[in-house]
Amino acid sequence: MSADGQKADQGLVDHQWQAIKTSLTSEVKPKIQGPIQWVRIHNLPDHAYFNHSQHVTAGKVACQQCHGKVENMEVVKQYAPLSMGWCINCHRQTEVKFKDNPFYNDYKKYHEEIKSGKRSKVTVEEIGGLECQKCHY
């Protein structure tokens, strides 16, 4: 990266840090008291694995679908049970979003079946969303 690029990046970081400081301080509270303590709200068993990236990036699942409208919660609380049955039902019902999603380009069979009218949708279950080892190890 060029020196100009590094300066631009540093300028952006400085701007973001200033915005964070401004949002956490005021005339009444001029000092940032340290990091905000993380309190775990959603807790899965140790034997279960969950990949946010796969659901958000590939699946195009909105955060609010599982976590509720946290942006409107005074105190964050668990919105959905996040139980095995809840996840399985979601995978059985949720349609795979193929359109403009390069993650699913390799599923040519399903693309062809949808294009020909042989099928109208593909669910997460149909692409392996109920295989035990995907969530349990």
Protein backbone atom coordinates (compact mmCIF):
# COMPACT_ATOMS: atom_id res chain seq x y z
CA MET A 1 0.00 0.00 0.00
CA SER A 2 1.23 3.45 -0.82
CA ALA A 3 2.03 6.10 1.78
CA ASP A 4 -1.01 8.09 0.62
CA GLY A 5 -3.21 5.02 1.07
CA GLN A 6 -1.87 4.46 4.57
CA LYS A 7 -2.51 8.12 5.46
CA ALA A 8 -6.06 7.84 4.14
CA ASP A 9 -6.64 4.66 6.16
CA GLN A 10 -5.24 6.27 9.29
CA GLY A 11 -7.44 9.33 8.70
CA LEU A 12 -10.50 7.08 8.52
CA VAL A 13 -9.49 5.24 11.70
CA ASP A 14 -8.90 8.56 13.51
CA HIS A 15 -12.29 9.84 12.33
CA GLN A 16 -14.05 6.63 13.50
CA TRP A 17 -12.28 6.76 16.89
CA GLN A 18 -13.31 10.40 17.34
CA ALA A 19 -16.91 9.45 16.57
CA ILE A 20 -16.75 6.64 19.15
CA LYS A 21 -15.33 9.00 21.79
CA THR A 22 -17.99 11.60 21.01
CA SER A 23 -20.78 9.04 21.37
CA LEU A 24 -19.44 7.76 24.72
CA THR A 25 -18.70 11.11 26.37
CA SER A 26 -20.55 14.32 27.20
CA GLU A 27 -20.17 17.42 29.39
CA VAL A 28 -21.52 15.37 32.30
CA LYS A 29 -19.35 12.34 31.51
CA PRO A 30 -16.13 13.66 29.94
CA LYS A 31 -14.11 10.43 30.28
CA ILE A 32 -14.55 7.01 28.65
CA GLN A 33 -14.67 4.56 31.51
CA GLY A 34 -13.13 1.67 29.59
CA PRO A 35 -14.50 -1.03 27.33
CA ILE A 36 -18.16 -1.86 27.44
CA GLN A 37 -18.54 -5.14 29.29
CA TRP A 38 -19.78 -7.93 27.05
CA VAL A 39 -22.67 -9.87 28.55
CA ARG A 40 -23.51 -13.10 26.77
CA ILE A 41 -27.21 -13.24 25.97
CA HIS A 42 -27.40 -16.03 23.39
CA ASN A 43 -25.69 -19.18 24.60
CA LEU A 44 -25.43 -22.45 22.68
CA PRO A 45 -24.21 -25.75 24.14
CA ASP A 46 -20.50 -26.45 23.76
CA HIS A 47 -21.22 -29.35 21.39
CA ALA A 48 -23.03 -27.10 18.92
CA TYR A 49 -21.25 -24.97 16.32
CA PHE A 50 -22.79 -21.91 14.74
CA ASN A 51 -21.23 -19.89 11.94
CA HIS A 52 -22.63 -16.33 11.73
CA SER A 53 -20.72 -15.65 8.53
CA GLN A 54 -22.33 -18.55 6.69
CA HIS A 55 -25.82 -17.39 7.65
CA VAL A 56 -25.26 -13.67 7.08
CA THR A 57 -22.97 -13.75 4.03
CA ALA A 58 -24.10 -16.85 2.14
CA GLY A 59 -27.63 -17.17 3.50
CA LYS A 60 -28.43 -13.44 3.46
CA VAL A 61 -30.19 -13.85 6.82
CA ALA A 62 -30.90 -10.55 8.57
CA CYS A 63 -29.65 -10.37 12.16
CA GLN A 64 -33.16 -9.49 13.34
CA GLN A 65 -34.51 -12.81 12.12
CA CYS A 66 -32.81 -14.63 15.02
CA HIS A 67 -31.98 -11.82 17.44
CA GLY A 68 -35.09 -9.66 17.11
CA LYS A 69 -34.94 -5.89 16.75
CA VAL A 70 -32.01 -5.35 19.12
CA GLU A 71 -31.68 -1.81 17.80
CA ASN A 72 -35.00 -1.06 19.56
CA MET A 73 -34.40 -3.06 22.77
CA GLU A 74 -33.77 -1.05 25.93
CA VAL A 75 -32.19 -4.18 27.42
CA VAL A 76 -31.09 -6.88 24.99
CA LYS A 77 -32.81 -10.20 25.58
CA GLN A 78 -32.94 -13.52 23.79
CA TYR A 79 -35.58 -13.28 21.09
CA ALA A 80 -35.70 -16.84 19.71
CA PRO A 81 -35.16 -20.14 21.53
CA LEU A 82 -32.18 -21.09 19.32
CA SER A 83 -32.98 -24.72 20.10
CA MET A 84 -32.14 -27.58 17.77
CA GLY A 85 -35.80 -27.91 16.77
CA TRP A 86 -36.06 -24.19 16.07
CA CYS A 87 -32.98 -24.33 13.80
CA ILE A 88 -34.20 -27.48 12.00
CA ASN A 89 -37.60 -25.91 11.32
CA CYS A 90 -35.88 -22.81 9.96
CA HIS A 91 -33.71 -24.91 7.64
CA ARG A 92 -36.78 -26.83 6.43
CA GLN A 93 -38.71 -23.64 5.65
CA THR A 94 -36.04 -21.18 4.51
CA GLU A 95 -35.58 -20.85 0.78
CA VAL A 96 -32.02 -20.60 -0.53
CA LYS A 97 -31.42 -17.19 -2.07
CA PHE A 98 -29.71 -18.11 -5.35
CA LYS A 99 -30.21 -14.79 -7.16
CA ASP A 100 -27.06 -12.64 -7.27
CA ASN A 101 -25.42 -14.94 -4.73
CA PRO A 102 -22.13 -16.39 -6.02
CA PHE A 103 -21.88 -18.69 -2.99
CA TYR A 104 -24.45 -20.99 -4.62
CA ASN A 105 -23.05 -21.01 -8.18
CA ASP A 106 -21.98 -24.68 -7.87
CA TYR A 107 -25.57 -25.86 -7.37
CA LYS A 108 -26.11 -26.13 -11.14
CA LYS A 109 -28.73 -28.89 -10.84
CA TYR A 110 -31.01 -26.65 -8.78
CA HIS A 111 -30.42 -23.65 -11.03
CA GLU A 112 -31.44 -25.75 -14.06
CA GLU A 113 -34.50 -27.21 -12.32
CA ILE A 114 -35.71 -23.74 -11.30
CA LYS A 115 -35.07 -22.35 -14.78
CA SER A 116 -36.99 -25.24 -16.42
CA GLY A 117 -39.92 -24.87 -14.02
CA LYS A 118 -39.38 -28.36 -12.58
CA ARG A 119 -38.95 -26.78 -9.16
CA SER A 120 -39.92 -23.38 -7.75
CA LYS A 121 -37.61 -23.24 -4.74
CA VAL A 122 -34.80 -24.93 -2.86
CA THR A 123 -34.74 -25.06 0.92
CA VAL A 124 -31.69 -25.11 3.16
CA GLU A 125 -32.64 -28.69 4.09
CA GLU A 126 -32.24 -29.74 0.45
CA ILE A 127 -28.65 -28.49 0.25
CA GLY A 128 -27.55 -30.36 3.37
CA GLY A 129 -28.86 -28.06 6.10
CA LEU A 130 -29.95 -30.98 8.29
CA GLU A 131 -26.68 -32.93 8.23
CA CYS A 132 -25.70 -33.47 11.87
CA GLN A 133 -22.00 -32.71 11.44
CA LYS A 134 -22.75 -29.23 10.09
CA CYS A 135 -23.67 -28.11 13.63
CA HIS A 136 -22.30 -30.85 15.87
CA TYR A 137 -18.76 -32.05 16.18
